[in-house]
């Protein structure tokens, strides 16, 4: 994990993206559906209760090439509030899938495929690749 930049009131710390991971912000319902498809292939997933989104941690460099309608890639130059490792309370940013011994990252191609599957089943059309 990158060096802590600034602690927040909720016990979170701001960390720079683009060093150990990039992040893909996904609308909450789509992100939860993708999480179900990914199952054990899913890395750490963060939820922010004041924004209807979940955050997937993906390999560095993913943000520069990411293209998926309705999602936002956050890479170098971006920051993210990271809660303590086992924080699952919904008061502030919290983990839906806690970082584990196997790491934080979700394979970007697997995430893309899961998002496409969710979108296709939801609307009858696929996300653009």
C-alpha atoms as a PDB file:
ATOM      1  CA  UNK A   1       0.000   0.000   0.000  1.00  0.00           C
ATOM      2  CA  UNK A   2       1.331   3.502  -0.773  1.00  0.00           C
ATOM      3  CA  UNK A   3       2.448   5.775   2.027  1.00  0.00           C
ATOM      4  CA  UNK A   4      -0.320   7.460   3.983  1.00  0.00           C
ATOM      5  CA  UNK A   5      -0.868  11.018   2.872  1.00  0.00           C
ATOM      6  CA  UNK A   6      -3.483  12.300   5.289  1.00  0.00           C
ATOM      7  CA  UNK A   7      -5.700  10.694   7.949  1.00  0.00           C
ATOM      8  CA  UNK A   8      -9.453  11.358   7.762  1.00  0.00           C
ATOM      9  CA  UNK A   9     -12.048  11.716  10.522  1.00  0.00           C
ATOM     10  CA  UNK A  10     -13.556   8.289   9.759  1.00  0.00           C
ATOM     11  CA  UNK A  11     -10.247   6.534  10.497  1.00  0.00           C
ATOM     12  CA  UNK A  12      -9.432   6.286   6.804  1.00  0.00           C
ATOM     13  CA  UNK A  13      -6.204   7.325   5.156  1.00  0.00           C
ATOM     14  CA  UNK A  14      -5.841   8.901   1.746  1.00  0.00           C
ATOM     15  CA  UNK A  15      -3.610   6.879  -0.578  1.00  0.00           C
ATOM     16  CA  UNK A  16      -2.323   7.578  -4.043  1.00  0.00           C
ATOM     17  CA  UNK A  17      -3.562   5.414  -6.884  1.00  0.00           C
ATOM     18  CA  UNK A  18      -1.120   4.382  -9.583  1.00  0.00           C
ATOM     19  CA  UNK A  19       1.593   3.135  -7.214  1.00  0.00           C
ATOM     20  CA  UNK A  20       0.519  -0.288  -5.929  1.00  0.00           C
ATOM     21  CA  UNK A  21      -2.876  -0.376  -7.622  1.00  0.00           C
ATOM     22  CA  UNK A  22      -5.309   1.488  -9.843  1.00  0.00           C
ATOM     23  CA  UNK A  23      -9.001   1.626  -8.983  1.00  0.00           C
ATOM     24  CA  UNK A  24     -12.143   1.143 -11.048  1.00  0.00           C
ATOM     25  CA  UNK A  25     -15.209   2.935  -9.654  1.00  0.00           C
ATOM     26  CA  UNK A  26     -18.392   1.097 -10.633  1.00  0.00           C
ATOM     27  CA  UNK A  27     -22.035   2.060  -9.961  1.00  0.00           C
ATOM     28  CA  UNK A  28     -23.102   0.180  -6.824  1.00  0.00           C
ATOM     29  CA  UNK A  29     -25.703  -2.204  -8.283  1.00  0.00           C
ATOM     30  CA  UNK A  30     -23.543  -3.104 -11.267  1.00  0.00           C
ATOM     31  CA  UNK A  31     -20.522  -3.523  -8.993  1.00  0.00           C
ATOM     32  CA  UNK A  32     -22.397  -5.839  -6.621  1.00  0.00           C
ATOM     33  CA  UNK A  33     -23.609  -7.963  -9.528  1.00  0.00           C
ATOM     34  CA  UNK A  34     -20.062  -8.184 -10.907  1.00  0.00           C
ATOM     35  CA  UNK A  35     -18.803  -9.165  -7.452  1.00  0.00           C
ATOM     36  CA  UNK A  36     -21.240 -12.094  -7.427  1.00  0.00           C
ATOM     37  CA  UNK A  37     -20.011 -13.227 -10.857  1.00  0.00           C
ATOM     38  CA  UNK A  38     -16.350 -12.923  -9.884  1.00  0.00           C
ATOM     39  CA  UNK A  39     -16.773 -14.905  -6.660  1.00  0.00           C
ATOM     40  CA  UNK A  40     -13.395 -16.027  -5.309  1.00  0.00           C
ATOM     41  CA  UNK A  41     -11.593 -14.303  -8.206  1.00  0.00           C
ATOM     42  CA  UNK A  42     -12.592 -10.952  -6.682  1.00  0.00           C
ATOM     43  CA  UNK A  43      -9.908  -8.946  -4.895  1.00  0.00           C
ATOM     44  CA  UNK A  44     -10.601  -6.254  -2.321  1.00  0.00           C
ATOM     45  CA  UNK A  45     -13.760  -4.196  -2.916  1.00  0.00           C
ATOM     46  CA  UNK A  46     -14.450  -0.907  -1.179  1.00  0.00           C
ATOM     47  CA  UNK A  47     -17.814   0.810  -0.796  1.00  0.00           C
ATOM     48  CA  UNK A  48     -18.428   4.454  -0.012  1.00  0.00           C
ATOM     49  CA  UNK A  49     -21.875   4.904   1.575  1.00  0.00           C
ATOM     50  CA  UNK A  50     -22.235   8.534   0.448  1.00  0.00           C
ATOM     51  CA  UNK A  51     -21.630   7.690  -3.199  1.00  0.00           C
ATOM     52  CA  UNK A  52     -23.579   4.948  -4.970  1.00  0.00           C
ATOM     53  CA  UNK A  53     -20.390   3.187  -6.076  1.00  0.00           C
ATOM     54  CA  UNK A  54     -17.988   0.373  -5.277  1.00  0.00           C
ATOM     55  CA  UNK A  55     -14.258   0.397  -5.971  1.00  0.00           C
ATOM     56  CA  UNK A  56     -12.262  -2.497  -7.405  1.00  0.00           C
ATOM     57  CA  UNK A  57      -8.477  -2.549  -7.036  1.00  0.00           C
ATOM     58  CA  UNK A  58      -6.745  -3.557 -10.263  1.00  0.00           C
ATOM     59  CA  UNK A  59      -3.107  -3.716 -11.430  1.00  0.00           C
ATOM     60  CA  UNK A  60      -1.199  -0.463 -11.950  1.00  0.00           C
ATOM     61  CA  UNK A  61      -1.564   0.749 -15.525  1.00  0.00           C
ATOM     62  CA  UNK A  62      -5.128  -0.516 -15.934  1.00  0.00           C
ATOM     63  CA  UNK A  63      -6.614   2.985 -15.629  1.00  0.00           C
ATOM     64  CA  UNK A  64      -4.708   4.255 -18.667  1.00  0.00           C
ATOM     65  CA  UNK A  65      -6.358   1.663 -20.922  1.00  0.00           C
ATOM     66  CA  UNK A  66      -9.702   1.118 -19.190  1.00  0.00           C
ATOM     67  CA  UNK A  67     -12.842   1.607 -21.287  1.00  0.00           C
ATOM     68  CA  UNK A  68     -16.165   0.562 -19.844  1.00  0.00           C
ATOM     69  CA  UNK A  69     -19.321   2.647 -20.037  1.00  0.00           C
ATOM     70  CA  UNK A  70     -20.561   3.980 -16.724  1.00  0.00           C
ATOM     71  CA  UNK A  71     -17.335   3.237 -14.840  1.00  0.00           C
ATOM     72  CA  UNK A  72     -14.423   5.481 -13.908  1.00  0.00           C
ATOM     73  CA  UNK A  73     -10.768   4.452 -13.853  1.00  0.00           C
ATOM     74  CA  UNK A  74      -8.571   6.097 -11.231  1.00  0.00           C
ATOM     75  CA  UNK A  75      -4.844   5.838 -11.734  1.00  0.00           C
ATOM     76  CA  UNK A  76      -1.768   7.966 -11.207  1.00  0.00           C
ATOM     77  CA  UNK A  77      -2.731  11.378  -9.843  1.00  0.00           C
ATOM     78  CA  UNK A  78      -5.864  10.076  -8.121  1.00  0.00           C
ATOM     79  CA  UNK A  79      -6.381   9.382  -4.437  1.00  0.00           C
ATOM     80  CA  UNK A  80      -8.729   7.154  -2.491  1.00  0.00           C
ATOM     81  CA  UNK A  81      -9.792   7.074   1.162  1.00  0.00           C
ATOM     82  CA  UNK A  82      -8.812   3.632   2.492  1.00  0.00           C
ATOM     83  CA  UNK A  83     -10.410   2.396   5.730  1.00  0.00           C
ATOM     84  CA  UNK A  84      -8.647   0.118   8.209  1.00  0.00           C
ATOM     85  CA  UNK A  85      -8.109  -3.376   6.762  1.00  0.00           C
ATOM     86  CA  UNK A  86     -11.041  -5.099   8.492  1.00  0.00           C
ATOM     87  CA  UNK A  87     -13.492  -2.174   8.584  1.00  0.00           C
ATOM     88  CA  UNK A  88     -16.894  -3.418   7.401  1.00  0.00           C
ATOM     89  CA  UNK A  89     -19.090  -0.903   9.288  1.00  0.00           C
ATOM     90  CA  UNK A  90     -21.210   1.174   6.913  1.00  0.00           C
ATOM     91  CA  UNK A  91     -20.663   4.505   8.682  1.00  0.00           C
ATOM     92  CA  UNK A  92     -17.991   5.614   6.211  1.00  0.00           C
ATOM     93  CA  UNK A  93     -15.910   3.979   3.503  1.00  0.00           C
ATOM     94  CA  UNK A  94     -15.797   0.252   4.272  1.00  0.00           C
ATOM     95  CA  UNK A  95     -14.834  -3.088   2.763  1.00  0.00           C
ATOM     96  CA  UNK A  96     -17.314  -5.366   1.021  1.00  0.00           C
ATOM     97  CA  UNK A  97     -14.386  -7.730   0.404  1.00  0.00           C
ATOM     98  CA  UNK A  98     -11.510  -7.100   2.815  1.00  0.00           C
ATOM     99  CA  UNK A  99      -7.949  -7.154   1.536  1.00  0.00           C
ATOM    100  CA  UNK A 100      -6.590 -10.604   2.250  1.00  0.00           C
ATOM    101  CA  UNK A 101      -3.401 -12.581   2.243  1.00  0.00           C
ATOM    102  CA  UNK A 102      -3.879 -13.285  -1.460  1.00  0.00           C
ATOM    103  CA  UNK A 103      -3.748  -9.545  -2.181  1.00  0.00           C
ATOM    104  CA  UNK A 104      -5.921  -6.640  -3.125  1.00  0.00           C
ATOM    105  CA  UNK A 105      -6.172  -6.966  -6.888  1.00  0.00           C
ATOM    106  CA  UNK A 106      -8.909  -8.172  -9.201  1.00  0.00           C
ATOM    107  CA  UNK A 107      -7.802  -9.207 -12.683  1.00  0.00           C
ATOM    108  CA  UNK A 108      -8.864  -6.352 -14.959  1.00  0.00           C
ATOM    109  CA  UNK A 109      -9.969  -8.662 -17.791  1.00  0.00           C
ATOM    110  CA  UNK A 110     -12.099 -10.725 -15.426  1.00  0.00           C
ATOM    111  CA  UNK A 111     -13.686  -7.535 -14.044  1.00  0.00           C
ATOM    112  CA  UNK A 112     -14.367  -6.255 -17.569  1.00  0.00           C
ATOM    113  CA  UNK A 113     -16.004  -9.555 -18.545  1.00  0.00           C
ATOM    114  CA  UNK A 114     -18.138  -9.600 -15.382  1.00  0.00           C
ATOM    115  CA  UNK A 115     -19.281  -6.023 -16.017  1.00  0.00           C
ATOM    116  CA  UNK A 116     -20.155  -6.886 -19.620  1.00  0.00           C
ATOM    117  CA  UNK A 117     -22.123  -9.942 -18.463  1.00  0.00           C
ATOM    118  CA  UNK A 118     -24.041  -7.861 -15.917  1.00  0.00           C
ATOM    119  CA  UNK A 119     -24.775  -5.112 -18.398  1.00  0.00           C
ATOM    120  CA  UNK A 120     -25.878  -7.550 -21.103  1.00  0.00           C
ATOM    121  CA  UNK A 121     -28.269  -9.334 -18.742  1.00  0.00           C
ATOM    122  CA  UNK A 122     -29.574  -6.024 -17.397  1.00  0.00           C
ATOM    123  CA  UNK A 123     -30.204  -4.180 -20.664  1.00  0.00           C
ATOM    124  CA  UNK A 124     -29.880  -6.758 -23.405  1.00  0.00           C
ATOM    125  CA  UNK A 125     -26.801  -4.975 -24.740  1.00  0.00           C
ATOM    126  CA  UNK A 126     -23.124  -5.235 -23.957  1.00  0.00           C
ATOM    127  CA  UNK A 127     -20.812  -2.554 -22.608  1.00  0.00           C
ATOM    128  CA  UNK A 128     -18.315  -1.251 -25.112  1.00  0.00           C
ATOM    129  CA  UNK A 129     -14.931  -2.917 -24.702  1.00  0.00           C
END
